[in-house]
N, C-alpha and C. Protein backbone atom coordinates (compact mmCIF):
# COMPACT_ATOMS: atom_id res chain seq x y z
N MET A 1 3.12 -0.80 22.04
CA MET A 1 2.79 -1.09 20.65
C MET A 1 1.41 -0.56 20.30
N THR A 2 0.46 -0.71 21.20
CA THR A 2 -0.91 -0.32 20.92
C THR A 2 -1.01 1.17 20.61
N LYS A 3 -0.44 2.01 21.47
CA LYS A 3 -0.57 3.45 21.27
C LYS A 3 0.10 3.91 19.99
N ARG A 4 1.18 3.24 19.59
CA ARG A 4 1.86 3.61 18.35
C ARG A 4 1.10 3.10 17.14
N PHE A 5 0.39 1.99 17.26
CA PHE A 5 -0.26 1.40 16.10
C PHE A 5 -1.60 2.05 15.76
N VAL A 6 -2.32 2.57 16.74
CA VAL A 6 -3.63 3.15 16.48
C VAL A 6 -3.56 4.28 15.45
N PRO A 7 -2.61 5.25 15.56
CA PRO A 7 -2.54 6.27 14.50
C PRO A 7 -2.22 5.68 13.13
N VAL A 8 -1.44 4.61 13.10
CA VAL A 8 -1.14 3.96 11.83
C VAL A 8 -2.41 3.35 11.24
N LEU A 9 -3.24 2.72 12.09
CA LEU A 9 -4.50 2.16 11.62
C LEU A 9 -5.41 3.24 11.06
N VAL A 10 -5.52 4.35 11.78
CA VAL A 10 -6.38 5.44 11.31
C VAL A 10 -5.86 5.99 9.99
N ALA A 11 -4.56 6.18 9.88
CA ALA A 11 -3.98 6.68 8.63
C ALA A 11 -4.20 5.68 7.50
N LEU A 12 -4.02 4.39 7.79
CA LEU A 12 -4.21 3.36 6.77
C LEU A 12 -5.65 3.32 6.31
N ALA A 13 -6.58 3.36 7.26
CA ALA A 13 -8.00 3.34 6.89
C ALA A 13 -8.36 4.60 6.13
N GLY A 14 -7.83 5.75 6.54
CA GLY A 14 -8.10 7.00 5.82
C GLY A 14 -7.57 6.97 4.41
N ALA A 15 -6.37 6.45 4.24
CA ALA A 15 -5.79 6.34 2.90
C ALA A 15 -6.61 5.39 2.04
N ALA A 16 -7.07 4.31 2.63
CA ALA A 16 -7.88 3.35 1.88
C ALA A 16 -9.17 4.01 1.39
N VAL A 17 -9.76 4.87 2.22
CA VAL A 17 -10.98 5.57 1.81
C VAL A 17 -10.68 6.50 0.64
N LEU A 18 -9.56 7.18 0.70
CA LEU A 18 -9.23 8.12 -0.37
C LEU A 18 -8.96 7.44 -1.69
N PHE A 19 -8.39 6.23 -1.65
CA PHE A 19 -8.01 5.54 -2.87
C PHE A 19 -8.96 4.41 -3.26
N ALA A 20 -10.06 4.26 -2.56
CA ALA A 20 -10.97 3.16 -2.85
C ALA A 20 -12.06 3.54 -3.84
N GLY A 21 -11.90 4.60 -4.55
CA GLY A 21 -12.92 5.06 -5.48
C GLY A 21 -13.28 4.04 -6.54
N SER A 22 -12.38 3.14 -6.86
CA SER A 22 -12.66 2.16 -7.90
C SER A 22 -13.24 0.86 -7.34
N ALA A 23 -13.48 0.80 -6.04
CA ALA A 23 -14.03 -0.41 -5.44
C ALA A 23 -15.43 -0.66 -5.97
N SER A 24 -15.83 -1.91 -5.99
CA SER A 24 -17.16 -2.24 -6.52
C SER A 24 -18.25 -1.76 -5.59
N ALA A 25 -19.34 -1.34 -6.14
CA ALA A 25 -20.46 -0.83 -5.36
C ALA A 25 -21.31 -1.98 -4.82
N ALA A 26 -21.94 -1.70 -3.69
CA ALA A 26 -22.79 -2.72 -3.07
C ALA A 26 -24.12 -2.80 -3.81
N THR A 27 -24.65 -4.00 -3.91
CA THR A 27 -25.98 -4.14 -4.47
C THR A 27 -26.99 -3.82 -3.39
N GLN A 28 -28.19 -3.55 -3.76
CA GLN A 28 -29.20 -3.08 -2.83
C GLN A 28 -29.96 -4.26 -2.22
N THR A 29 -29.44 -4.83 -1.15
CA THR A 29 -30.10 -5.90 -0.43
C THR A 29 -30.21 -5.52 1.03
N LYS A 30 -30.83 -6.38 1.83
CA LYS A 30 -31.04 -6.09 3.25
C LYS A 30 -29.71 -5.85 3.97
N ALA A 31 -28.78 -6.76 3.90
CA ALA A 31 -27.44 -6.59 4.46
C ALA A 31 -26.47 -7.24 3.49
N HIS A 32 -25.53 -6.46 2.99
CA HIS A 32 -24.63 -6.95 1.96
C HIS A 32 -23.18 -6.65 2.35
N THR A 33 -22.31 -7.64 2.22
CA THR A 33 -20.90 -7.43 2.48
C THR A 33 -20.28 -6.74 1.27
N PHE A 34 -19.59 -5.62 1.51
CA PHE A 34 -18.99 -4.90 0.39
C PHE A 34 -17.49 -4.72 0.54
N GLY A 35 -16.89 -5.35 1.51
CA GLY A 35 -15.44 -5.34 1.67
C GLY A 35 -15.04 -6.33 2.74
N SER A 36 -13.94 -7.08 2.52
CA SER A 36 -13.50 -8.03 3.53
C SER A 36 -12.02 -8.36 3.36
N CYS A 37 -11.43 -8.90 4.42
CA CYS A 37 -10.05 -9.37 4.38
C CYS A 37 -9.87 -10.42 5.47
N HIS A 38 -8.79 -11.20 5.37
CA HIS A 38 -8.48 -12.25 6.33
C HIS A 38 -6.98 -12.43 6.39
N LYS A 39 -6.41 -12.51 7.60
CA LYS A 39 -4.97 -12.73 7.78
C LYS A 39 -4.76 -13.64 8.98
N THR A 40 -3.60 -14.31 9.01
CA THR A 40 -3.22 -15.18 10.12
C THR A 40 -1.78 -14.89 10.50
N GLY A 41 -1.47 -14.96 11.80
CA GLY A 41 -0.11 -14.78 12.27
C GLY A 41 -0.07 -14.02 13.58
N HIS A 42 1.14 -13.75 14.06
CA HIS A 42 1.29 -13.00 15.30
C HIS A 42 1.07 -11.53 15.00
N GLY A 43 0.11 -10.93 15.69
CA GLY A 43 -0.21 -9.53 15.44
C GLY A 43 -0.76 -9.29 14.05
N ALA A 44 -1.44 -10.30 13.49
CA ALA A 44 -1.97 -10.20 12.12
C ALA A 44 -2.86 -8.98 11.98
N ARG A 45 -2.77 -8.32 10.81
CA ARG A 45 -3.63 -7.16 10.55
C ARG A 45 -4.09 -7.18 9.10
N CYS A 46 -5.27 -6.64 8.87
CA CYS A 46 -5.78 -6.54 7.51
C CYS A 46 -6.71 -5.36 7.40
N THR A 47 -6.97 -4.94 6.16
CA THR A 47 -7.84 -3.80 5.89
C THR A 47 -8.93 -4.20 4.91
N ALA A 48 -10.17 -3.96 5.29
CA ALA A 48 -11.32 -4.18 4.41
C ALA A 48 -11.78 -2.81 3.92
N GLU A 49 -12.12 -2.72 2.64
CA GLU A 49 -12.58 -1.45 2.08
C GLU A 49 -13.58 -1.71 0.97
N GLY A 50 -14.42 -0.73 0.73
CA GLY A 50 -15.39 -0.85 -0.34
C GLY A 50 -16.27 0.37 -0.46
N THR A 51 -17.16 0.34 -1.45
CA THR A 51 -18.07 1.44 -1.75
C THR A 51 -19.50 0.94 -1.69
N ALA A 52 -20.37 1.73 -1.08
CA ALA A 52 -21.79 1.39 -0.97
C ALA A 52 -22.62 2.53 -1.54
N ASN A 53 -23.57 2.21 -2.42
CA ASN A 53 -24.47 3.20 -3.00
C ASN A 53 -25.75 3.29 -2.18
N HIS A 54 -26.14 4.50 -1.84
CA HIS A 54 -27.38 4.79 -1.11
C HIS A 54 -27.55 3.92 0.14
N PRO A 55 -26.54 3.86 1.00
CA PRO A 55 -26.68 3.02 2.20
C PRO A 55 -27.57 3.69 3.25
N SER A 56 -28.27 2.87 4.02
CA SER A 56 -29.01 3.39 5.17
C SER A 56 -28.17 3.25 6.43
N SER A 57 -27.22 2.31 6.44
CA SER A 57 -26.30 2.14 7.56
C SER A 57 -25.06 1.38 7.09
N LEU A 58 -23.95 1.61 7.78
CA LEU A 58 -22.70 0.92 7.50
C LEU A 58 -22.23 0.24 8.79
N TRP A 59 -21.74 -0.99 8.66
CA TRP A 59 -21.31 -1.76 9.82
C TRP A 59 -19.94 -2.35 9.59
N LEU A 60 -19.12 -2.37 10.64
CA LEU A 60 -17.84 -3.08 10.55
C LEU A 60 -17.89 -4.25 11.52
N HIS A 61 -17.30 -5.35 11.09
CA HIS A 61 -17.28 -6.58 11.88
C HIS A 61 -15.85 -7.09 11.95
N VAL A 62 -15.45 -7.56 13.12
CA VAL A 62 -14.12 -8.13 13.32
C VAL A 62 -14.27 -9.43 14.07
N ARG A 63 -13.67 -10.49 13.53
CA ARG A 63 -13.68 -11.80 14.21
C ARG A 63 -12.23 -12.22 14.44
N ALA A 64 -11.92 -12.58 15.67
CA ALA A 64 -10.58 -13.03 16.03
C ALA A 64 -10.66 -14.45 16.59
N GLN A 65 -9.76 -15.29 16.13
CA GLN A 65 -9.64 -16.67 16.64
C GLN A 65 -8.19 -16.91 17.03
N PRO A 66 -7.85 -17.26 18.24
CA PRO A 66 -8.75 -17.34 19.38
C PRO A 66 -9.22 -15.94 19.80
N HIS A 67 -10.25 -15.89 20.65
CA HIS A 67 -10.80 -14.62 21.10
C HIS A 67 -9.72 -13.81 21.79
N GLN A 68 -9.60 -12.53 21.44
CA GLN A 68 -8.58 -11.66 22.01
C GLN A 68 -8.90 -10.21 21.71
N ARG A 69 -8.08 -9.32 22.28
CA ARG A 69 -8.23 -7.89 22.03
C ARG A 69 -7.77 -7.58 20.61
N VAL A 70 -8.51 -6.69 19.95
CA VAL A 70 -8.16 -6.23 18.62
C VAL A 70 -8.11 -4.71 18.63
N TYR A 71 -7.27 -4.17 17.76
CA TYR A 71 -7.12 -2.72 17.60
C TYR A 71 -7.67 -2.36 16.22
N VAL A 72 -8.60 -1.42 16.20
CA VAL A 72 -9.33 -1.12 14.97
C VAL A 72 -9.25 0.38 14.65
N GLY A 73 -9.00 0.68 13.39
CA GLY A 73 -9.08 2.04 12.87
C GLY A 73 -10.06 2.04 11.70
N TRP A 74 -10.87 3.06 11.57
CA TRP A 74 -11.86 3.09 10.51
C TRP A 74 -11.95 4.50 9.92
N ALA A 75 -12.46 4.57 8.71
CA ALA A 75 -12.69 5.85 8.03
C ALA A 75 -13.85 5.70 7.07
N VAL A 76 -14.65 6.76 6.96
CA VAL A 76 -15.81 6.79 6.06
C VAL A 76 -15.82 8.13 5.34
N GLN A 77 -16.03 8.08 4.03
CA GLN A 77 -16.23 9.30 3.25
C GLN A 77 -17.53 9.13 2.48
N CYS A 78 -18.49 10.00 2.75
CA CYS A 78 -19.78 9.93 2.05
C CYS A 78 -19.95 11.17 1.18
N SER A 79 -20.71 10.97 0.10
CA SER A 79 -21.00 12.09 -0.79
C SER A 79 -22.51 12.19 -1.00
N LYS A 80 -22.94 13.43 -1.17
CA LYS A 80 -24.34 13.71 -1.47
C LYS A 80 -24.34 14.92 -2.39
N GLY A 81 -24.83 14.72 -3.61
CA GLY A 81 -24.73 15.79 -4.59
C GLY A 81 -23.26 16.05 -4.87
N SER A 82 -22.83 17.30 -4.78
CA SER A 82 -21.42 17.62 -5.02
C SER A 82 -20.61 17.69 -3.73
N GLY A 83 -21.26 17.44 -2.58
CA GLY A 83 -20.56 17.51 -1.30
C GLY A 83 -19.93 16.20 -0.88
N LYS A 84 -18.82 16.29 -0.16
CA LYS A 84 -18.14 15.13 0.40
C LYS A 84 -17.73 15.44 1.84
N ARG A 85 -17.93 14.48 2.73
CA ARG A 85 -17.53 14.64 4.12
C ARG A 85 -16.88 13.35 4.60
N ARG A 86 -15.91 13.50 5.52
CA ARG A 86 -15.18 12.34 6.06
C ARG A 86 -15.28 12.28 7.57
N LYS A 87 -15.23 11.06 8.08
CA LYS A 87 -15.11 10.80 9.52
C LYS A 87 -14.15 9.63 9.68
N HIS A 88 -13.44 9.60 10.81
CA HIS A 88 -12.55 8.48 11.09
C HIS A 88 -12.41 8.34 12.60
N GLY A 89 -11.91 7.20 13.02
CA GLY A 89 -11.72 6.96 14.44
C GLY A 89 -10.98 5.66 14.67
N SER A 90 -10.80 5.33 15.94
CA SER A 90 -10.13 4.08 16.30
C SER A 90 -10.60 3.66 17.69
N PHE A 91 -10.43 2.39 17.98
CA PHE A 91 -10.79 1.85 19.28
C PHE A 91 -10.12 0.49 19.45
N SER A 92 -10.12 -0.02 20.67
CA SER A 92 -9.69 -1.39 20.92
C SER A 92 -10.78 -2.05 21.74
N ALA A 93 -10.97 -3.35 21.51
CA ALA A 93 -12.02 -4.11 22.20
C ALA A 93 -11.73 -5.59 22.05
N ARG A 94 -12.42 -6.40 22.82
CA ARG A 94 -12.30 -7.86 22.67
C ARG A 94 -13.27 -8.34 21.61
N ALA A 95 -12.79 -9.17 20.74
CA ALA A 95 -13.63 -9.82 19.72
C ALA A 95 -13.97 -11.20 20.27
N THR A 96 -15.16 -11.37 20.80
CA THR A 96 -15.54 -12.61 21.48
C THR A 96 -16.88 -13.16 20.99
N PRO A 97 -17.01 -13.89 19.94
CA PRO A 97 -16.02 -14.06 18.90
C PRO A 97 -16.04 -12.95 17.86
N THR A 98 -17.20 -12.27 17.69
CA THR A 98 -17.29 -11.23 16.66
C THR A 98 -17.64 -9.90 17.29
N LEU A 99 -16.91 -8.88 16.90
CA LEU A 99 -17.14 -7.51 17.33
C LEU A 99 -17.85 -6.80 16.18
N THR A 100 -18.96 -6.14 16.47
CA THR A 100 -19.72 -5.43 15.44
C THR A 100 -19.96 -4.00 15.91
N ARG A 101 -19.65 -3.04 15.06
CA ARG A 101 -19.88 -1.62 15.37
C ARG A 101 -20.51 -0.93 14.17
N LYS A 102 -21.43 -0.02 14.47
CA LYS A 102 -22.03 0.80 13.42
C LYS A 102 -21.08 1.94 13.10
N MET A 103 -20.84 2.17 11.82
CA MET A 103 -19.96 3.24 11.38
C MET A 103 -20.82 4.48 11.09
N PRO A 104 -20.42 5.65 11.58
CA PRO A 104 -21.22 6.84 11.33
C PRO A 104 -21.11 7.30 9.87
N MET A 105 -22.24 7.73 9.35
CA MET A 105 -22.24 8.28 7.99
C MET A 105 -22.28 9.81 8.13
N THR A 106 -21.71 10.50 7.17
CA THR A 106 -21.59 11.95 7.26
C THR A 106 -22.80 12.69 6.71
N TYR A 107 -23.70 11.99 6.05
CA TYR A 107 -24.98 12.55 5.58
C TYR A 107 -26.08 11.59 5.98
N LYS A 108 -27.31 12.11 6.15
CA LYS A 108 -28.42 11.25 6.53
C LYS A 108 -28.80 10.27 5.42
N HIS A 109 -28.89 10.72 4.20
CA HIS A 109 -29.21 9.86 3.05
C HIS A 109 -28.16 10.09 1.96
N PRO A 110 -26.95 9.54 2.13
CA PRO A 110 -25.89 9.80 1.16
C PRO A 110 -26.13 9.09 -0.17
N ASP A 111 -25.57 9.65 -1.22
CA ASP A 111 -25.61 9.00 -2.53
C ASP A 111 -24.65 7.80 -2.54
N GLN A 112 -23.50 7.98 -1.87
CA GLN A 112 -22.47 6.94 -1.88
C GLN A 112 -21.56 7.12 -0.68
N CYS A 113 -21.06 6.00 -0.14
CA CYS A 113 -20.07 6.05 0.93
C CYS A 113 -18.94 5.09 0.61
N ILE A 114 -17.72 5.56 0.82
CA ILE A 114 -16.53 4.72 0.72
C ILE A 114 -16.07 4.50 2.15
N ALA A 115 -15.88 3.25 2.53
CA ALA A 115 -15.52 2.93 3.91
C ALA A 115 -14.31 2.00 3.94
N ALA A 116 -13.55 2.11 5.02
CA ALA A 116 -12.40 1.22 5.23
C ALA A 116 -12.27 0.97 6.73
N ALA A 117 -11.87 -0.24 7.08
CA ALA A 117 -11.59 -0.59 8.47
C ALA A 117 -10.34 -1.47 8.49
N ALA A 118 -9.37 -1.10 9.32
CA ALA A 118 -8.15 -1.88 9.48
C ALA A 118 -8.13 -2.38 10.91
N ALA A 119 -7.78 -3.65 11.10
CA ALA A 119 -7.74 -4.23 12.44
C ALA A 119 -6.49 -5.07 12.61
N GLN A 120 -6.02 -5.15 13.87
CA GLN A 120 -4.84 -5.94 14.20
C GLN A 120 -5.10 -6.74 15.47
N LEU A 121 -4.60 -7.97 15.48
CA LEU A 121 -4.68 -8.83 16.66
C LEU A 121 -3.67 -8.38 17.70
N SER A 122 -3.97 -8.63 18.98
CA SER A 122 -3.01 -8.34 20.04
C SER A 122 -2.05 -9.51 20.24
N LYS A 123 -2.44 -10.72 19.77
CA LYS A 123 -1.62 -11.92 19.94
C LYS A 123 -1.58 -12.69 18.62
N HIS A 124 -1.20 -13.94 18.69
CA HIS A 124 -1.18 -14.82 17.52
C HIS A 124 -2.59 -15.34 17.25
N GLY A 125 -2.93 -15.52 15.98
CA GLY A 125 -4.23 -16.07 15.62
C GLY A 125 -4.62 -15.67 14.21
N SER A 126 -5.92 -15.73 13.96
CA SER A 126 -6.43 -15.29 12.65
C SER A 126 -7.46 -14.19 12.87
N ILE A 127 -7.51 -13.28 11.91
CA ILE A 127 -8.44 -12.16 12.00
C ILE A 127 -9.18 -12.02 10.69
N ARG A 128 -10.45 -11.73 10.79
CA ARG A 128 -11.27 -11.45 9.60
C ARG A 128 -11.99 -10.14 9.86
N VAL A 129 -11.95 -9.25 8.88
CA VAL A 129 -12.64 -7.97 8.95
C VAL A 129 -13.56 -7.89 7.75
N TRP A 130 -14.81 -7.46 7.97
CA TRP A 130 -15.70 -7.26 6.84
C TRP A 130 -16.64 -6.10 7.11
N LEU A 131 -17.09 -5.48 6.03
CA LEU A 131 -17.99 -4.32 6.06
C LEU A 131 -19.32 -4.72 5.45
N THR A 132 -20.39 -4.31 6.07
CA THR A 132 -21.72 -4.58 5.50
C THR A 132 -22.50 -3.27 5.41
N VAL A 133 -23.44 -3.28 4.49
CA VAL A 133 -24.32 -2.13 4.29
C VAL A 133 -25.75 -2.59 4.56
N GLY A 134 -26.48 -1.74 5.29
CA GLY A 134 -27.90 -1.99 5.52
C GLY A 134 -28.69 -1.17 4.54
N LYS A 135 -29.84 -1.65 4.16
CA LYS A 135 -30.66 -0.95 3.17
C LYS A 135 -31.97 -0.54 3.77
């Protein structure tokens, strides 16, 4: 299941980045949540997405209860001037209790970034995914 689901997560996160243009922009604070989701069940999965203006860093967070392995796919599209660049990836890790990873930005000082992260539990439980922006 894991090997088949990772490409689906990456595709889902990539699609979310492409269609998240209307998401609300992050306000300029030290660390601000600009996208989140929560699901419960066996193999629960959810996708957090949002847009951040002039971010200095982007972070994805995953919390699983009870603690277990999670499968994560992510995608980021940043723009600077008239240019746009994308990056995406996937990984699996234990969320004990919270897994935090820095998401790469495609420009050093982008004007705007659209980000998405999709995660799935390996067992039954609840999962929360959220994205934060550093300023």
